[in-house]
Amino acid sequence: SMPDFYHKEWYEERKIPSVDGQDTHRTLDQIMESKALSYGMTTAIDTSIGGVVQHLKETGRYDDTVFIFMSDHGDNMGDHHMFNKGPFHYDGCIRVPFVVCYPKKLKKGLKSDAFVQILDFMPTVLDLAGVEYPSPEVPDWQGFAPEHFPLYSTDSLSRLPGHSLVPIMTGNKESIQDYVLVEDDDDIRRLMIRTIVTDDYKMSIFLGREDGILFDRKKDPEEIYNVWNDPEYAQVKAMMMEKMAQALLYNVKRVRRRISIA
């Protein structure tokens, strides 16, 4: 029930006679070896970071250094019979690490299940550094007039899309957003994809295509059943579409003054 390009782009371009749910050309042993090698690379990175940390401790700069480890995408590594990355927004591809260490200010060992996104990187770093985002000569668009749009006043409209994660990292807040938006423009396959993820659901839409993807994350955590066309999920789909529209509006670039007022 997945969009056809999941089969065409992954299997046909590699001349693999396979569709979703059937065997790939890799054996289980090869899949296990690929995962073992990936874990080995993770260990190598961890060891290298450890060397940097040790040097900073020896030179007295460790406590005042911010460490951030993150990635732009993951790897399917055999999940859903797929390898590598691509416009396939399974969790294996879009759920990535976000690890922060700042001995001077942040509590050690804190873990969080809160939604975060790469757009949160810059606001977080600026917040940790105590630096305001530089203002251009031409003032930014100030957002909606609060007397007409009280819910969207300047106070609630950040200059940057994304949020500072410092309240979460200090333990002052459990979360700062109830969804994340994934934006993916795939030049190779000429696909424009937008995916929104909440606690309960994940939905992907595609520019110029009528098909889409909707997963029930609680009932189907392995993302096997696409319920996009399931009548029982019609209201869920409508609710997720509304969240998607709000997310897309929130992420509109607004660091320059808007002059399109009639």
C-alpha atoms as a PDB file:
ATOM      1  CA  SER A   1       0.000   0.000   0.000  1.00  0.00           C
ATOM      2  CA  MET A   2       3.033   2.304  -0.217  1.00  0.00           C
ATOM      3  CA  PRO A   3       3.419   4.826  -3.085  1.00  0.00           C
ATOM      4  CA  ASP A   4       4.708   3.203  -6.273  1.00  0.00           C
ATOM      5  CA  PHE A   5       8.042   5.040  -6.266  1.00  0.00           C
ATOM      6  CA  TYR A   6       9.005   3.076  -3.143  1.00  0.00           C
ATOM      7  CA  HIS A   7       9.203   0.079  -5.473  1.00  0.00           C
ATOM      8  CA  LYS A   8      10.281   1.695  -8.724  1.00  0.00           C
ATOM      9  CA  GLU A   9      13.000   3.967  -7.411  1.00  0.00           C
ATOM     10  CA  TRP A  10      14.499   1.511  -4.975  1.00  0.00           C
ATOM     11  CA  TYR A  11      14.212  -1.817  -6.758  1.00  0.00           C
ATOM     12  CA  GLU A  12      13.952  -1.132 -10.478  1.00  0.00           C
ATOM     13  CA  GLU A  13      16.835   1.336 -10.628  1.00  0.00           C
ATOM     14  CA  ARG A  14      19.014  -1.305  -8.971  1.00  0.00           C
ATOM     15  CA  LYS A  15      17.646  -4.074 -11.228  1.00  0.00           C
ATOM     16  CA  ILE A  16      16.440  -5.980  -8.178  1.00  0.00           C
ATOM     17  CA  PRO A  17      13.392  -8.189  -8.894  1.00  0.00           C
ATOM     18  CA  SER A  18      11.633  -7.370  -5.651  1.00  0.00           C
ATOM     19  CA  VAL A  19       8.651  -5.523  -4.255  1.00  0.00           C
ATOM     20  CA  ASP A  20       7.737  -4.558  -0.727  1.00  0.00           C
ATOM     21  CA  GLY A  21       7.322  -7.645   1.420  1.00  0.00           C
ATOM     22  CA  GLN A  22       9.545  -9.929  -0.651  1.00  0.00           C
ATOM     23  CA  ASP A  23      13.212 -10.774  -0.295  1.00  0.00           C
ATOM     24  CA  THR A  24      15.907  -8.385  -1.460  1.00  0.00           C
ATOM     25  CA  HIS A  25      19.174  -9.540  -3.025  1.00  0.00           C
ATOM     26  CA  ARG A  26      20.829  -9.351   0.392  1.00  0.00           C
ATOM     27  CA  THR A  27      20.797 -12.327   2.681  1.00  0.00           C
ATOM     28  CA  LEU A  28      20.090 -12.086   6.388  1.00  0.00           C
ATOM     29  CA  ASP A  29      23.793 -12.665   7.069  1.00  0.00           C
ATOM     30  CA  GLN A  30      24.673  -9.714   4.831  1.00  0.00           C
ATOM     31  CA  ILE A  31      22.126  -7.517   6.593  1.00  0.00           C
ATOM     32  CA  MET A  32      23.583  -8.498   9.975  1.00  0.00           C
ATOM     33  CA  GLU A  33      27.107  -7.775   8.712  1.00  0.00           C
ATOM     34  CA  SER A  34      26.044  -4.329   7.453  1.00  0.00           C
ATOM     35  CA  LYS A  35      24.564  -3.480  10.837  1.00  0.00           C
ATOM     36  CA  ALA A  36      27.649  -4.757  12.649  1.00  0.00           C
ATOM     37  CA  LEU A  37      29.886  -2.575  10.469  1.00  0.00           C
ATOM     38  CA  SER A  38      27.652   0.437  11.159  1.00  0.00           C
ATOM     39  CA  TYR A  39      27.906  -0.197  14.890  1.00  0.00           C
ATOM     40  CA  GLY A  40      31.673  -0.456  14.455  1.00  0.00           C
ATOM     41  CA  MET A  41      31.780   2.950  12.768  1.00  0.00           C
ATOM     42  CA  THR A  42      29.716   4.360  15.646  1.00  0.00           C
ATOM     43  CA  THR A  43      32.286   2.996  18.095  1.00  0.00           C
ATOM     44  CA  ALA A  44      35.107   4.554  16.059  1.00  0.00           C
ATOM     45  CA  ILE A  45      33.386   7.968  16.140  1.00  0.00           C
ATOM     46  CA  ASP A  46      32.814   7.621  19.888  1.00  0.00           C
ATOM     47  CA  THR A  47      36.495   6.851  20.433  1.00  0.00           C
ATOM     48  CA  SER A  48      37.555   9.841  18.336  1.00  0.00           C
ATOM     49  CA  ILE A  49      35.239  12.200  20.222  1.00  0.00           C
ATOM     50  CA  GLY A  50      36.688  10.789  23.429  1.00  0.00           C
ATOM     51  CA  GLY A  51      40.139  11.878  22.261  1.00  0.00           C
ATOM     52  CA  VAL A  52      38.898  15.422  21.681  1.00  0.00           C
ATOM     53  CA  VAL A  53      37.260  15.466  25.127  1.00  0.00           C
ATOM     54  CA  GLN A  54      40.453  14.260  26.785  1.00  0.00           C
ATOM     55  CA  HIS A  55      42.507  16.979  25.073  1.00  0.00           C
ATOM     56  CA  LEU A  56      40.061  19.669  26.184  1.00  0.00           C
ATOM     57  CA  LYS A  57      40.200  18.395  29.756  1.00  0.00           C
ATOM     58  CA  GLU A  58      43.998  18.445  29.705  1.00  0.00           C
ATOM     59  CA  THR A  59      44.008  22.015  28.402  1.00  0.00           C
ATOM     60  CA  GLY A  60      41.335  23.239  30.841  1.00  0.00           C
ATOM     61  CA  ARG A  61      38.708  24.052  28.237  1.00  0.00           C
ATOM     62  CA  TYR A  62      36.333  21.136  28.726  1.00  0.00           C
ATOM     63  CA  ASP A  63      33.821  22.753  31.107  1.00  0.00           C
ATOM     64  CA  ASP A  64      33.249  25.725  28.813  1.00  0.00           C
ATOM     65  CA  THR A  65      32.848  23.734  25.600  1.00  0.00           C
ATOM     66  CA  VAL A  66      29.515  22.806  24.018  1.00  0.00           C
ATOM     67  CA  PHE A  67      29.447  19.402  22.323  1.00  0.00           C
ATOM     68  CA  ILE A  68      26.606  18.650  19.909  1.00  0.00           C
ATOM     69  CA  PHE A  69      26.343  15.383  18.007  1.00  0.00           C
ATOM     70  CA  MET A  70      23.652  15.084  15.352  1.00  0.00           C
ATOM     71  CA  SER A  71      23.022  13.773  11.850  1.00  0.00           C
ATOM     72  CA  ASP A  72      21.020  14.857   8.827  1.00  0.00           C
ATOM     73  CA  HIS A  73      19.597  11.381   8.141  1.00  0.00           C
ATOM     74  CA  GLY A  74      19.809   7.752   9.127  1.00  0.00           C
ATOM     75  CA  ASP A  75      20.015   4.507   7.159  1.00  0.00           C
ATOM     76  CA  ASN A  76      17.342   1.888   6.609  1.00  0.00           C
ATOM     77  CA  MET A  77      19.931  -0.912   7.111  1.00  0.00           C
ATOM     78  CA  GLY A  78      17.603  -3.661   5.925  1.00  0.00           C
ATOM     79  CA  ASP A  79      14.406  -2.392   7.514  1.00  0.00           C
ATOM     80  CA  HIS A  80      11.505  -2.641   5.068  1.00  0.00           C
ATOM     81  CA  HIS A  81      13.899  -4.519   2.751  1.00  0.00           C
ATOM     82  CA  MET A  82      15.760  -1.299   2.030  1.00  0.00           C
ATOM     83  CA  PHE A  83      19.278   0.032   2.512  1.00  0.00           C
ATOM     84  CA  ASN A  84      20.809   3.501   2.465  1.00  0.00           C
ATOM     85  CA  LYS A  85      18.888   6.751   2.642  1.00  0.00           C
ATOM     86  CA  GLY A  86      16.375   8.231   0.243  1.00  0.00           C
ATOM     87  CA  PRO A  87      12.926   9.809   0.077  1.00  0.00           C
ATOM     88  CA  PHE A  88      11.606   6.981   2.255  1.00  0.00           C
ATOM     89  CA  HIS A  89      10.568   8.565   5.527  1.00  0.00           C
ATOM     90  CA  TYR A  90      10.602   5.532   7.746  1.00  0.00           C
ATOM     91  CA  ASP A  91      11.968   6.162  11.238  1.00  0.00           C
ATOM     92  CA  GLY A  92      15.237   4.488  10.262  1.00  0.00           C
ATOM     93  CA  CYS A  93      15.850   7.328   7.833  1.00  0.00           C
ATOM     94  CA  ILE A  94      14.493  10.411   9.610  1.00  0.00           C
ATOM     95  CA  ARG A  95      14.946   9.681  13.321  1.00  0.00           C
ATOM     96  CA  VAL A  96      18.484  10.766  14.172  1.00  0.00           C
ATOM     97  CA  PRO A  97      20.618  11.380  17.291  1.00  0.00           C
ATOM     98  CA  PHE A  98      20.722  14.766  18.978  1.00  0.00           C
ATOM     99  CA  VAL A  99      23.211  14.645  21.840  1.00  0.00           C
ATOM    100  CA  VAL A 100      24.323  17.764  23.702  1.00  0.00           C
ATOM    101  CA  CYS A 101      26.959  18.142  26.416  1.00  0.00           C
ATOM    102  CA  TYR A 102      27.811  21.422  28.128  1.00  0.00           C
ATOM    103  CA  PRO A 103      29.402  20.637  31.507  1.00  0.00           C
ATOM    104  CA  LYS A 104      29.259  24.254  32.667  1.00  0.00           C
ATOM    105  CA  LYS A 105      25.487  24.633  32.384  1.00  0.00           C
ATOM    106  CA  LEU A 106      23.684  21.370  31.619  1.00  0.00           C
ATOM    107  CA  LYS A 107      22.824  18.504  33.918  1.00  0.00           C
ATOM    108  CA  LYS A 108      24.646  15.275  33.139  1.00  0.00           C
ATOM    109  CA  GLY A 109      22.745  12.170  32.024  1.00  0.00           C
ATOM    110  CA  LEU A 110      19.408  13.824  31.214  1.00  0.00           C
ATOM    111  CA  LYS A 111      17.399  11.955  28.564  1.00  0.00           C
ATOM    112  CA  SER A 112      14.312  13.204  26.791  1.00  0.00           C
ATOM    113  CA  ASP A 113      11.679  11.790  24.466  1.00  0.00           C
ATOM    114  CA  ALA A 114      10.605  15.285  23.400  1.00  0.00           C
ATOM    115  CA  PHE A 115      10.285  16.142  19.721  1.00  0.00           C
ATOM    116  CA  VAL A 116      13.290  18.059  18.394  1.00  0.00           C
ATOM    117  CA  GLN A 117      14.424  18.903  14.891  1.00  0.00           C
ATOM    118  CA  ILE A 118      17.539  20.155  13.136  1.00  0.00           C
ATOM    119  CA  LEU A 119      15.918  23.602  12.821  1.00  0.00           C
ATOM    120  CA  ASP A 120      16.293  23.817  16.611  1.00  0.00           C
ATOM    121  CA  PHE A 121      20.090  23.755  16.313  1.00  0.00           C
ATOM    122  CA  MET A 122      20.757  27.445  15.688  1.00  0.00           C
ATOM    123  CA  PRO A 123      18.314  28.845  18.297  1.00  0.00           C
ATOM    124  CA  THR A 124      19.776  26.406  20.840  1.00  0.00           C
ATOM    125  CA  VAL A 125      23.401  27.373  20.180  1.00  0.00           C
ATOM    126  CA  LEU A 126      22.574  31.094  20.313  1.00  0.00           C
ATOM    127  CA  ASP A 127      20.707  30.579  23.592  1.00  0.00           C
ATOM    128  CA  LEU A 128      23.606  28.654  25.138  1.00  0.00           C
ATOM    129  CA  ALA A 129      26.039  31.348  24.041  1.00  0.00           C
ATOM    130  CA  GLY A 130      23.813  34.184  25.265  1.00  0.00           C
ATOM    131  CA  VAL A 131      23.882  35.780  21.824  1.00  0.00           C
ATOM    132  CA  GLU A 132      20.995  37.550  20.114  1.00  0.00           C
ATOM    133  CA  TYR A 133      20.371  36.751  16.476  1.00  0.00           C
ATOM    134  CA  PRO A 134      21.854  39.680  14.491  1.00  0.00           C
ATOM    135  CA  SER A 135      19.318  42.133  13.094  1.00  0.00           C
ATOM    136  CA  PRO A 136      19.623  43.391   9.522  1.00  0.00           C
ATOM    137  CA  GLU A 137      19.423  47.039   8.536  1.00  0.00           C
ATOM    138  CA  VAL A 138      15.904  46.469   7.259  1.00  0.00           C
ATOM    139  CA  PRO A 139      13.770  45.277  10.206  1.00  0.00           C
ATOM    140  CA  ASP A 140      12.199  41.853  10.086  1.00  0.00           C
ATOM    141  CA  TRP A 141       8.535  41.290   9.532  1.00  0.00           C
ATOM    142  CA  GLN A 142       6.992  41.604  12.971  1.00  0.00           C
ATOM    143  CA  GLY A 143       4.274  39.024  12.492  1.00  0.00           C
ATOM    144  CA  PHE A 144       0.531  39.393  12.770  1.00  0.00           C
ATOM    145  CA  ALA A 145      -1.021  42.397  14.476  1.00  0.00           C
ATOM    146  CA  PRO A 146      -1.720  41.176  18.023  1.00  0.00           C
ATOM    147  CA  GLU A 147      -5.029  43.061  18.242  1.00  0.00           C
ATOM    148  CA  HIS A 148      -6.356  41.018  15.307  1.00  0.00           C
ATOM    149  CA  PHE A 149      -4.451  37.772  15.866  1.00  0.00           C
ATOM    150  CA  PRO A 150      -3.829  37.444  19.626  1.00  0.00           C
ATOM    151  CA  LEU A 151      -2.669  33.846  19.321  1.00  0.00           C
ATOM    152  CA  TYR A 152       0.016  34.806  16.809  1.00  0.00           C
ATOM    153  CA  SER A 153       1.451  37.988  18.259  1.00  0.00           C
ATOM    154  CA  THR A 154       5.091  38.961  17.900  1.00  0.00           C
ATOM    155  CA  ASP A 155       5.818  37.383  21.265  1.00  0.00           C
ATOM    156  CA  SER A 156       4.836  33.943  20.038  1.00  0.00           C
ATOM    157  CA  LEU A 157       6.357  34.209  16.561  1.00  0.00           C
ATOM    158  CA  SER A 158      10.043  33.399  16.754  1.00  0.00           C
ATOM    159  CA  ARG A 159      12.383  35.238  14.434  1.00  0.00           C
ATOM    160  CA  LEU A 160      13.844  31.893  13.479  1.00  0.00           C
ATOM    161  CA  PRO A 161      11.908  28.755  12.658  1.00  0.00           C
ATOM    162  CA  GLY A 162      12.832  26.243  15.298  1.00  0.00           C
ATOM    163  CA  HIS A 163      13.092  26.555  19.064  1.00  0.00           C
ATOM    164  CA  SER A 164      15.800  26.702  21.673  1.00  0.00           C
ATOM    165  CA  LEU A 165      16.125  23.316  23.387  1.00  0.00           C
ATOM    166  CA  VAL A 166      17.739  24.799  26.491  1.00  0.00           C
ATOM    167  CA  PRO A 167      14.511  24.558  28.572  1.00  0.00           C
ATOM    168  CA  ILE A 168      14.451  20.816  27.899  1.00  0.00           C
ATOM    169  CA  MET A 169      18.171  20.335  28.464  1.00  0.00           C
ATOM    170  CA  THR A 170      18.036  22.112  31.815  1.00  0.00           C
ATOM    171  CA  GLY A 171      15.003  20.083  32.908  1.00  0.00           C
ATOM    172  CA  ASN A 172      12.733  23.139  33.137  1.00  0.00           C
ATOM    173  CA  LYS A 173      10.360  21.824  30.454  1.00  0.00           C
ATOM    174  CA  GLU A 174       9.470  18.343  29.276  1.00  0.00           C
ATOM    175  CA  SER A 175       8.771  19.471  25.709  1.00  0.00           C
ATOM    176  CA  ILE A 176       8.490  22.580  23.558  1.00  0.00           C
ATOM    177  CA  GLN A 177       6.604  21.270  20.516  1.00  0.00           C
ATOM    178  CA  ASP A 178       4.102  18.491  19.866  1.00  0.00           C
ATOM    179  CA  TYR A 179       5.210  17.649  16.331  1.00  0.00           C
ATOM    180  CA  VAL A 180       8.146  17.863  13.949  1.00  0.00           C
ATOM    181  CA  LEU A 181       8.118  18.666  10.248  1.00  0.00           C
ATOM    182  CA  VAL A 182      10.484  16.943   7.809  1.00  0.00           C
ATOM    183  CA  GLU A 183      11.107  18.759   4.522  1.00  0.00           C
ATOM    184  CA  ASP A 184      12.718  16.742   1.740  1.00  0.00           C
ATOM    185  CA  ASP A 185      13.285  17.915  -1.841  1.00  0.00           C
ATOM    186  CA  ASP A 186      14.827  14.987  -3.697  1.00  0.00           C
ATOM    187  CA  ASP A 187      16.549  16.267  -6.834  1.00  0.00           C
ATOM    188  CA  ILE A 188      17.412  12.820  -8.175  1.00  0.00           C
ATOM    189  CA  ARG A 189      13.840  11.513  -8.145  1.00  0.00           C
ATOM    190  CA  ARG A 190      12.233  14.961  -8.523  1.00  0.00           C
ATOM    191  CA  LEU A 191      10.108  14.474  -5.450  1.00  0.00           C
ATOM    192  CA  MET A 192       8.995  17.143  -2.990  1.00  0.00           C
ATOM    193  CA  ILE A 193       7.986  15.512   0.281  1.00  0.00           C
ATOM    194  CA  ARG A 194       6.683  16.939   3.537  1.00  0.00           C
ATOM    195  CA  THR A 195       6.275  14.669   6.556  1.00  0.00           C
ATOM    196  CA  ILE A 196       4.753  15.561   9.901  1.00  0.00           C
ATOM    197  CA  VAL A 197       5.262  13.386  12.973  1.00  0.00           C
ATOM    198  CA  THR A 198       3.244  13.497  16.210  1.00  0.00           C
ATOM    199  CA  ASP A 199       3.124  11.156  19.185  1.00  0.00           C
ATOM    200  CA  ASP A 200       0.351   9.133  17.574  1.00  0.00           C
ATOM    201  CA  TYR A 201       0.741   9.478  13.804  1.00  0.00           C
ATOM    202  CA  LYS A 202       3.111  10.131  10.927  1.00  0.00           C
ATOM    203  CA  MET A 203       1.892  11.537   7.609  1.00  0.00           C
ATOM    204  CA  SER A 204       3.738  12.214   4.335  1.00  0.00           C
ATOM    205  CA  ILE A 205       2.413  14.189   1.370  1.00  0.00           C
ATOM    206  CA  PHE A 206       3.979  14.582  -2.070  1.00  0.00           C
ATOM    207  CA  LEU A 207       3.731  17.512  -4.470  1.00  0.00           C
ATOM    208  CA  GLY A 208       1.780  16.548  -7.604  1.00  0.00           C
ATOM    209  CA  ARG A 209       0.783  13.114  -6.325  1.00  0.00           C
ATOM    210  CA  GLU A 210      -2.587  11.959  -5.004  1.00  0.00           C
ATOM    211  CA  ASP A 211      -1.155   9.134  -2.918  1.00  0.00           C
ATOM    212  CA  GLY A 212       0.405   9.630   0.471  1.00  0.00           C
ATOM    213  CA  ILE A 213       1.436   7.849   3.646  1.00  0.00           C
ATOM    214  CA  LEU A 214      -0.235   7.693   7.046  1.00  0.00           C
ATOM    215  CA  PHE A 215       1.052   5.500   9.874  1.00  0.00           C
ATOM    216  CA  ASP A 216      -0.575   4.873  13.234  1.00  0.00           C
ATOM    217  CA  ARG A 217       2.552   5.029  15.384  1.00  0.00           C
ATOM    218  CA  LYS A 218       0.922   3.523  18.476  1.00  0.00           C
ATOM    219  CA  LYS A 219      -0.736   0.544  16.777  1.00  0.00           C
ATOM    220  CA  ASP A 220       1.922   0.109  14.097  1.00  0.00           C
ATOM    221  CA  PRO A 221       5.312   1.184  15.525  1.00  0.00           C
ATOM    222  CA  GLU A 222       7.210  -0.738  12.829  1.00  0.00           C
ATOM    223  CA  GLU A 223       5.438   1.265  10.115  1.00  0.00           C
ATOM    224  CA  ILE A 224       4.104  -1.676   8.140  1.00  0.00           C
ATOM    225  CA  TYR A 225       0.529  -0.606   7.329  1.00  0.00           C
ATOM    226  CA  ASN A 226      -0.127   2.533   5.320  1.00  0.00           C
ATOM    227  CA  VAL A 227      -3.665   3.641   6.275  1.00  0.00           C
ATOM    228  CA  TRP A 228      -3.786   6.640   3.910  1.00  0.00           C
ATOM    229  CA  ASN A 229      -6.861   5.249   2.119  1.00  0.00           C
ATOM    230  CA  ASP A 230      -8.466   3.603   5.159  1.00  0.00           C
ATOM    231  CA  PRO A 231     -11.928   5.173   5.770  1.00  0.00           C
ATOM    232  CA  GLU A 232     -11.531   4.628   9.511  1.00  0.00           C
ATOM    233  CA  TYR A 233      -8.644   7.109   9.506  1.00  0.00           C
ATOM    234  CA  ALA A 234     -10.399   9.847   7.505  1.00  0.00           C
ATOM    235  CA  GLN A 235     -10.729  12.175  10.516  1.00  0.00           C
ATOM    236  CA  VAL A 236      -7.144  11.507  11.572  1.00  0.00           C
ATOM    237  CA  LYS A 237      -5.978  12.332   8.058  1.00  0.00           C
ATOM    238  CA  ALA A 238      -7.909  15.628   8.100  1.00  0.00           C
ATOM    239  CA  MET A 239      -6.468  16.526  11.510  1.00  0.00           C
ATOM    240  CA  MET A 240      -2.930  15.776  10.323  1.00  0.00           C
ATOM    241  CA  MET A 241      -3.501  17.841   7.173  1.00  0.00           C
ATOM    242  CA  GLU A 242      -4.424  20.809   9.361  1.00  0.00           C
ATOM    243  CA  LYS A 243      -1.291  20.342  11.473  1.00  0.00           C
ATOM    244  CA  MET A 244       0.748  20.084   8.271  1.00  0.00           C
ATOM    245  CA  ALA A 245      -0.645  23.386   6.988  1.00  0.00           C
ATOM    246  CA  GLN A 246       0.151  25.151  10.270  1.00  0.00           C
ATOM    247  CA  ALA A 247       3.667  23.664  10.307  1.00  0.00           C
ATOM    248  CA  LEU A 248       4.360  24.804   6.744  1.00  0.00           C
ATOM    249  CA  LEU A 249       3.162  28.325   7.545  1.00  0.00           C
ATOM    250  CA  TYR A 250       5.297  28.446  10.671  1.00  0.00           C
ATOM    251  CA  ASN A 251       8.413  27.496   8.705  1.00  0.00           C
ATOM    252  CA  VAL A 252       7.970  30.194   6.057  1.00  0.00           C
ATOM    253  CA  LYS A 253      11.112  32.323   5.853  1.00  0.00           C
ATOM    254  CA  ARG A 254      10.539  35.539   7.774  1.00  0.00           C
ATOM    255  CA  VAL A 255      13.994  37.008   8.399  1.00  0.00           C
ATOM    256  CA  ARG A 256      13.256  39.797   5.929  1.00  0.00           C
ATOM    257  CA  ARG A 257      10.461  42.313   6.028  1.00  0.00           C
ATOM    258  CA  ARG A 258       7.418  41.224   4.087  1.00  0.00           C
ATOM    259  CA  ILE A 259       6.314  43.963   1.678  1.00  0.00           C
ATOM    260  CA  SER A 260       3.431  42.217  -0.084  1.00  0.00           C
ATOM    261  CA  ILE A 261       0.711  44.026   1.875  1.00  0.00           C
ATOM    262  CA  ALA A 262      -1.860  45.533  -0.483  1.00  0.00           C
END
